[in-house]
């Protein structure tokens, strides 16, 4: 898995990838920008797969914010994922923003690969 993290802001992790589905999580790990009671909400998309060695039909999957019990955490569930391998390096584009009220407090833009059996 490729993982680019904006320092101290948003972390991306991939878990439980199988032939059926894969789970991609985005977590806001920065400080809130003000003292308001506004929660930090994550929004974004996962697009792919993209592979230079194979023709694919990319899909767009929304990240779903996991709400007040998991503040600052969102999940995208990838149906029928194309896993990354050296022979077929399938990649997915991740674009996520963390918002507190109307303010964007962090952004993440990067490519990730999904590998079967991932736990973190």
Foldseek 3Di string as FASTA:
>chain_A
DDWDDDPQAKGWDKAADDQFKIKIKIFGRHDDPDDDPFFKWKWWWKWDFDWPVDDDDIDIWIWATPPDVRTRMTMTMGGRDDAADPVTGTKIWIWMFIDRVPDTPDIDTDIDGHHHRDHD
